[in-house]
Amino acid sequence: MTSQPPVDPRTGPQPQSTPSEIRANSVLPAHREDIELHTADGMVLVGELATPLDRPPVATLITLHPLPTHGGFMDSHVYRKAAFRLPALADIAVLRFNTRGTSSARGTSEGEFDYAQSEKYDVAAAIEYAEFHDLPHRWLVGWSFGTDLALMHGHDPAVEGAILLSPPLRYSHEGHLAEWAAEGKPVVALVPEFDDYLRPAEAVDRFAAIPQAHVVPIEGGKHLWVGESYVRRALQDIVDVVAPGHGELPTTWSGPMEEAEAPDLG
């Protein structure tokens, strides 16, 4: 027989909270703090760390955003929604930051965009921060330009692997892929069917240079992952990799839930 919770004699039985749909701008409970990353070449980068509210995280996402010269930043919608949802839904920590010269509501990181070269210091600073703060099971999650940063600069002993959303393989080259192949760490590429730069069939061919790489075609998807169904697919695939066995992410929430102030276009 299932036991029932005790009834407060002063108030009587309380109704169960009605689940609400998790929408584009829904913000679930988490501990969120503004952070700064300090690079080896003297730059200060702005960011945010979101962690589960009342328990330690089971895994950590270090996110690398799309091309800042084309609107990419730490608030790019897939990452913002990851930070809004995954600490509560999957006990996953989400570290977001602006690479050098990039601005968002959080502020502007020092330095200037450097075509994926000096950004190596940015990636290293983010990994170092996560390691220093004992964030567990650290995974790089790159999107577009961020996938190049992951492939070029992310094969670090403190990282367990890389998840790549819409990898264009624009700045990264065969030498970088060879380094990941030699490391043997997992690489998962989520490649939209109608991507503007690299589509699944070509991705399978290009990522063959990394024997352990797994290319996941995203049916109907496009480079920017616009639409709630594609965001949910991205987050689910990420969770399946970094927290295997977690199961399907819920689409409703019974507890406190806020709405983001800024409109979300994803």
Protein backbone atom coordinates (compact mmCIF):
# COMPACT_ATOMS: atom_id res chain seq x y z
CA MET A 1 0.00 0.00 0.00
CA THR A 2 1.32 3.44 -0.92
CA SER A 3 1.71 5.75 2.06
CA GLN A 4 0.16 9.20 1.89
CA PRO A 5 1.85 12.40 3.08
CA PRO A 6 0.69 13.66 6.49
CA VAL A 7 -2.15 16.18 6.47
CA ASP A 8 -1.67 19.47 8.29
CA PRO A 9 -4.76 19.74 10.58
CA ARG A 10 -4.70 23.54 10.24
CA THR A 11 -4.96 23.61 6.46
CA GLY A 12 -6.31 20.19 5.49
CA PRO A 13 -5.26 18.27 2.35
CA GLN A 14 -3.39 20.34 -0.21
CA PRO A 15 -3.91 19.87 -3.95
CA GLN A 16 -1.06 18.52 -6.00
CA SER A 17 0.73 21.11 -8.13
CA THR A 18 -0.56 20.96 -11.68
CA PRO A 19 2.22 20.31 -14.21
CA SER A 20 2.85 23.19 -16.60
CA GLU A 21 4.32 22.87 -20.07
CA ILE A 22 7.97 23.85 -20.40
CA ARG A 23 7.94 26.55 -23.06
CA ALA A 24 10.64 28.42 -24.98
CA ASN A 25 11.25 30.99 -22.21
CA SER A 26 10.58 28.78 -19.19
CA VAL A 27 13.20 29.06 -16.46
CA LEU A 28 13.35 26.16 -14.00
CA PRO A 29 14.93 26.40 -10.54
CA ALA A 30 18.73 26.32 -10.36
CA HIS A 31 21.62 28.01 -8.65
CA ARG A 32 22.90 30.59 -11.14
CA GLU A 33 25.93 32.77 -10.62
CA ASP A 34 27.82 35.21 -12.78
CA ILE A 35 31.42 34.12 -13.25
CA GLU A 36 34.61 35.45 -14.78
CA LEU A 37 37.20 33.43 -16.63
CA HIS A 38 40.82 34.58 -16.68
CA THR A 39 42.85 33.56 -19.71
CA ALA A 40 46.57 32.84 -19.87
CA ASP A 41 47.04 35.88 -22.14
CA GLY A 42 45.45 38.24 -19.64
CA MET A 43 41.83 38.56 -20.81
CA VAL A 44 38.77 38.51 -18.56
CA LEU A 45 35.77 36.70 -20.01
CA VAL A 46 32.23 36.97 -18.64
CA GLY A 47 29.97 34.00 -18.14
CA GLU A 48 27.43 32.17 -16.02
CA LEU A 49 27.37 28.85 -14.22
CA ALA A 50 24.03 27.13 -13.61
CA THR A 51 23.97 24.14 -11.26
CA PRO A 52 21.26 22.04 -9.60
CA LEU A 53 19.59 23.87 -6.75
CA ASP A 54 19.97 21.35 -3.92
CA ARG A 55 22.27 18.56 -5.07
CA PRO A 56 25.61 18.13 -6.83
CA PRO A 57 25.64 17.88 -10.61
CA VAL A 58 26.14 14.52 -12.28
CA ALA A 59 27.88 16.03 -15.32
CA THR A 60 29.02 19.39 -16.68
CA LEU A 61 28.56 21.08 -20.04
CA ILE A 62 31.20 23.60 -21.07
CA THR A 63 29.47 25.40 -23.91
CA LEU A 64 31.22 27.06 -26.85
CA HIS A 65 28.93 29.40 -28.75
CA PRO A 66 28.42 30.08 -32.48
CA LEU A 67 30.35 32.66 -34.49
CA PRO A 68 30.24 36.03 -32.68
CA THR A 69 30.63 37.98 -35.91
CA HIS A 70 27.30 36.46 -37.01
CA GLY A 71 25.34 36.85 -33.78
CA GLY A 72 26.68 33.98 -31.69
CA PHE A 73 27.12 34.50 -27.94
CA MET A 74 26.59 32.76 -24.62
CA ASP A 75 22.82 33.41 -24.89
CA SER A 76 22.45 31.61 -28.22
CA HIS A 77 19.11 29.94 -27.71
CA VAL A 78 20.05 26.26 -27.40
CA TYR A 79 22.57 27.10 -24.68
CA ARG A 80 20.27 29.48 -22.88
CA LYS A 81 17.59 26.81 -22.75
CA ALA A 82 20.14 24.25 -21.59
CA ALA A 83 20.99 26.54 -18.67
CA PHE A 84 17.28 27.19 -18.00
CA ARG A 85 16.33 23.51 -17.92
CA LEU A 86 19.06 20.94 -17.51
CA PRO A 87 20.13 21.68 -13.91
CA ALA A 88 16.56 20.94 -12.79
CA LEU A 89 15.59 18.25 -15.30
CA ALA A 90 18.83 16.25 -15.45
CA ASP A 91 21.10 17.44 -12.58
CA ILE A 92 23.57 18.79 -15.15
CA ALA A 93 25.73 21.90 -14.66
CA VAL A 94 25.86 24.31 -17.59
CA LEU A 95 28.78 26.72 -17.98
CA ARG A 96 28.25 29.45 -20.57
CA PHE A 97 30.59 32.31 -21.43
CA ASN A 98 31.33 34.90 -24.09
CA THR A 99 34.53 34.28 -26.02
CA ARG A 100 36.89 37.24 -26.41
CA GLY A 101 35.29 40.36 -27.83
CA THR A 102 31.77 38.94 -27.55
CA SER A 103 28.88 40.76 -25.84
CA SER A 104 25.59 39.68 -24.28
CA ALA A 105 23.30 40.82 -21.49
CA ARG A 106 25.90 39.44 -19.07
CA GLY A 107 28.51 41.86 -20.44
CA THR A 108 31.41 41.96 -22.87
CA SER A 109 34.47 39.76 -22.69
CA GLU A 110 37.80 41.47 -23.13
CA GLY A 111 39.86 41.06 -26.28
CA GLU A 112 38.95 40.75 -29.94
CA PHE A 113 37.67 37.99 -32.17
CA ASP A 114 40.66 36.10 -33.56
CA TYR A 115 39.29 33.58 -36.08
CA ALA A 116 39.62 30.62 -33.67
CA GLN A 117 43.28 31.26 -32.90
CA SER A 118 43.61 33.19 -29.61
CA GLU A 119 40.31 31.65 -28.61
CA LYS A 120 42.42 28.66 -27.55
CA TYR A 121 43.05 30.59 -24.33
CA ASP A 122 39.31 31.05 -23.84
CA VAL A 123 38.62 27.33 -24.15
CA ALA A 124 41.48 26.54 -21.76
CA ALA A 125 40.19 29.07 -19.21
CA ALA A 126 36.71 27.55 -19.24
CA ILE A 127 38.06 24.03 -18.77
CA GLU A 128 40.37 25.23 -15.99
CA TYR A 129 37.48 26.95 -14.21
CA ALA A 130 35.34 23.80 -14.33
CA GLU A 131 38.22 21.66 -13.11
CA PHE A 132 39.21 24.05 -10.30
CA HIS A 133 35.60 24.15 -9.06
CA ASP A 134 35.37 20.35 -9.05
CA LEU A 135 32.58 20.23 -11.60
CA PRO A 136 32.27 16.55 -12.53
CA HIS A 137 32.36 14.72 -15.86
CA ARG A 138 33.22 17.72 -18.01
CA TRP A 139 32.06 17.67 -21.64
CA LEU A 140 32.62 20.29 -24.31
CA VAL A 141 29.48 21.21 -26.22
CA GLY A 142 30.21 23.27 -29.32
CA TRP A 143 27.74 24.79 -31.74
CA SER A 144 28.85 25.89 -35.22
CA PHE A 145 32.00 28.02 -34.63
CA GLY A 146 32.10 26.52 -31.17
CA THR A 147 32.59 23.06 -32.68
CA ASP A 148 35.76 24.30 -34.36
CA LEU A 149 36.98 25.61 -31.01
CA ALA A 150 36.25 22.25 -29.41
CA LEU A 151 38.06 20.29 -32.12
CA MET A 152 41.01 22.67 -32.32
CA HIS A 153 41.60 23.43 -28.66
CA GLY A 154 39.51 21.09 -26.53
CA HIS A 155 41.42 17.80 -26.38
CA ASP A 156 42.35 18.34 -22.75
CA PRO A 157 42.90 15.66 -20.08
CA ALA A 158 40.20 17.30 -17.94
CA VAL A 159 37.53 16.81 -20.62
CA GLU A 160 35.71 13.53 -21.19
CA GLY A 161 34.63 14.20 -24.76
CA ALA A 162 32.94 16.58 -27.19
CA ILE A 163 29.41 17.02 -28.49
CA LEU A 164 29.19 19.04 -31.71
CA LEU A 165 26.03 20.78 -32.93
CA SER A 166 26.05 21.73 -36.63
CA PRO A 167 29.82 21.35 -37.13
CA PRO A 168 30.94 23.27 -40.25
CA LEU A 169 34.58 22.09 -40.03
CA ARG A 170 35.53 25.58 -41.19
CA TYR A 171 38.55 26.43 -39.05
CA SER A 172 39.41 22.93 -37.84
CA HIS A 173 41.32 20.65 -40.19
CA GLU A 174 42.52 17.08 -40.53
CA GLY A 175 45.34 17.61 -38.05
CA HIS A 176 42.86 18.54 -35.32
CA LEU A 177 40.70 15.52 -36.12
CA ALA A 178 43.79 13.32 -35.94
CA GLU A 179 44.50 14.59 -32.42
CA TRP A 180 41.01 13.57 -31.28
CA ALA A 181 41.46 10.22 -33.00
CA ALA A 182 44.68 9.66 -31.09
CA GLU A 183 43.08 10.65 -27.79
CA GLY A 184 40.28 8.12 -28.26
CA LYS A 185 37.76 10.27 -26.41
CA PRO A 186 34.16 10.23 -27.65
CA VAL A 187 33.04 12.75 -30.25
CA VAL A 188 29.34 12.99 -31.09
CA ALA A 189 28.29 15.21 -34.02
CA LEU A 190 24.62 16.22 -34.27
CA VAL A 191 24.26 17.13 -37.94
CA PRO A 192 21.01 18.66 -39.26
CA GLU A 193 19.61 17.19 -42.46
CA PHE A 194 19.43 20.61 -44.12
CA ASP A 195 22.49 22.24 -42.58
CA ASP A 196 23.92 25.19 -44.51
CA TYR A 197 27.52 24.02 -44.24
CA LEU A 198 27.89 20.29 -43.61
CA ARG A 199 25.15 17.71 -44.07
CA PRO A 200 25.02 14.18 -42.66
CA ALA A 201 26.45 12.21 -45.59
CA GLU A 202 29.46 14.49 -45.94
CA ALA A 203 29.85 14.62 -42.16
CA VAL A 204 30.12 10.83 -42.01
CA ASP A 205 32.91 11.01 -44.57
CA ARG A 206 34.77 13.86 -42.88
CA PHE A 207 34.49 12.45 -39.35
CA ALA A 208 35.74 9.06 -40.50
CA ALA A 209 39.14 10.50 -39.55
CA ILE A 210 38.05 10.00 -35.92
CA PRO A 211 37.24 6.28 -35.61
CA GLN A 212 35.30 6.75 -32.37
CA ALA A 213 33.23 9.66 -33.72
CA HIS A 214 29.49 9.14 -34.03
CA VAL A 215 27.49 11.23 -36.50
CA VAL A 216 23.80 11.62 -35.60
CA PRO A 217 21.60 12.91 -38.47
CA ILE A 218 18.85 15.29 -37.31
CA GLU A 219 15.92 14.75 -39.64
CA GLY A 220 14.44 18.01 -40.90
CA GLY A 221 16.91 20.07 -38.90
CA LYS A 222 18.73 23.23 -39.97
CA HIS A 223 21.94 24.89 -38.81
CA LEU A 224 20.33 27.21 -36.26
CA TRP A 225 18.13 24.63 -34.51
CA VAL A 226 15.15 26.98 -34.58
CA GLY A 227 11.94 25.54 -33.12
CA GLU A 228 11.18 23.98 -29.77
CA SER A 229 11.12 20.44 -31.18
CA TYR A 230 14.72 20.77 -32.39
CA VAL A 231 15.89 22.33 -29.13
CA ARG A 232 14.34 19.44 -27.21
CA ARG A 233 16.04 16.99 -29.56
CA ALA A 234 19.41 18.66 -29.02
CA LEU A 235 19.06 18.69 -25.24
CA GLN A 236 17.87 15.08 -25.18
CA ASP A 237 20.78 13.89 -27.29
CA ILE A 238 23.22 15.82 -25.10
CA VAL A 239 21.77 14.30 -21.93
CA ASP A 240 21.87 10.81 -23.45
CA VAL A 241 25.62 11.24 -23.94
CA VAL A 242 26.69 12.90 -20.69
CA ALA A 243 24.20 11.20 -18.34
CA PRO A 244 23.50 7.79 -19.89
CA GLY A 245 20.51 6.06 -18.44
CA HIS A 246 18.80 9.27 -17.39
CA GLY A 247 15.90 8.67 -19.74
CA GLU A 248 13.58 11.03 -21.55
CA LEU A 249 13.52 14.66 -20.49
CA PRO A 250 10.06 15.74 -19.32
CA THR A 251 8.20 18.44 -21.20
CA THR A 252 6.23 19.60 -18.14
CA TRP A 253 7.22 20.85 -14.69
CA SER A 254 5.25 20.74 -11.44
CA GLY A 255 7.36 23.07 -9.34
CA PRO A 256 8.17 26.78 -9.43
CA MET A 257 8.83 28.11 -12.91
CA GLU A 258 9.62 31.59 -14.16
CA GLU A 259 9.62 33.24 -17.56
CA ALA A 260 12.76 34.73 -19.09
CA GLU A 261 12.67 38.50 -19.45
CA ALA A 262 14.04 38.63 -22.97
CA PRO A 263 12.15 37.12 -25.88
CA ASP A 264 13.58 33.90 -27.28
CA LEU A 265 13.69 33.48 -31.04
CA GLY A 266 14.61 29.78 -31.03
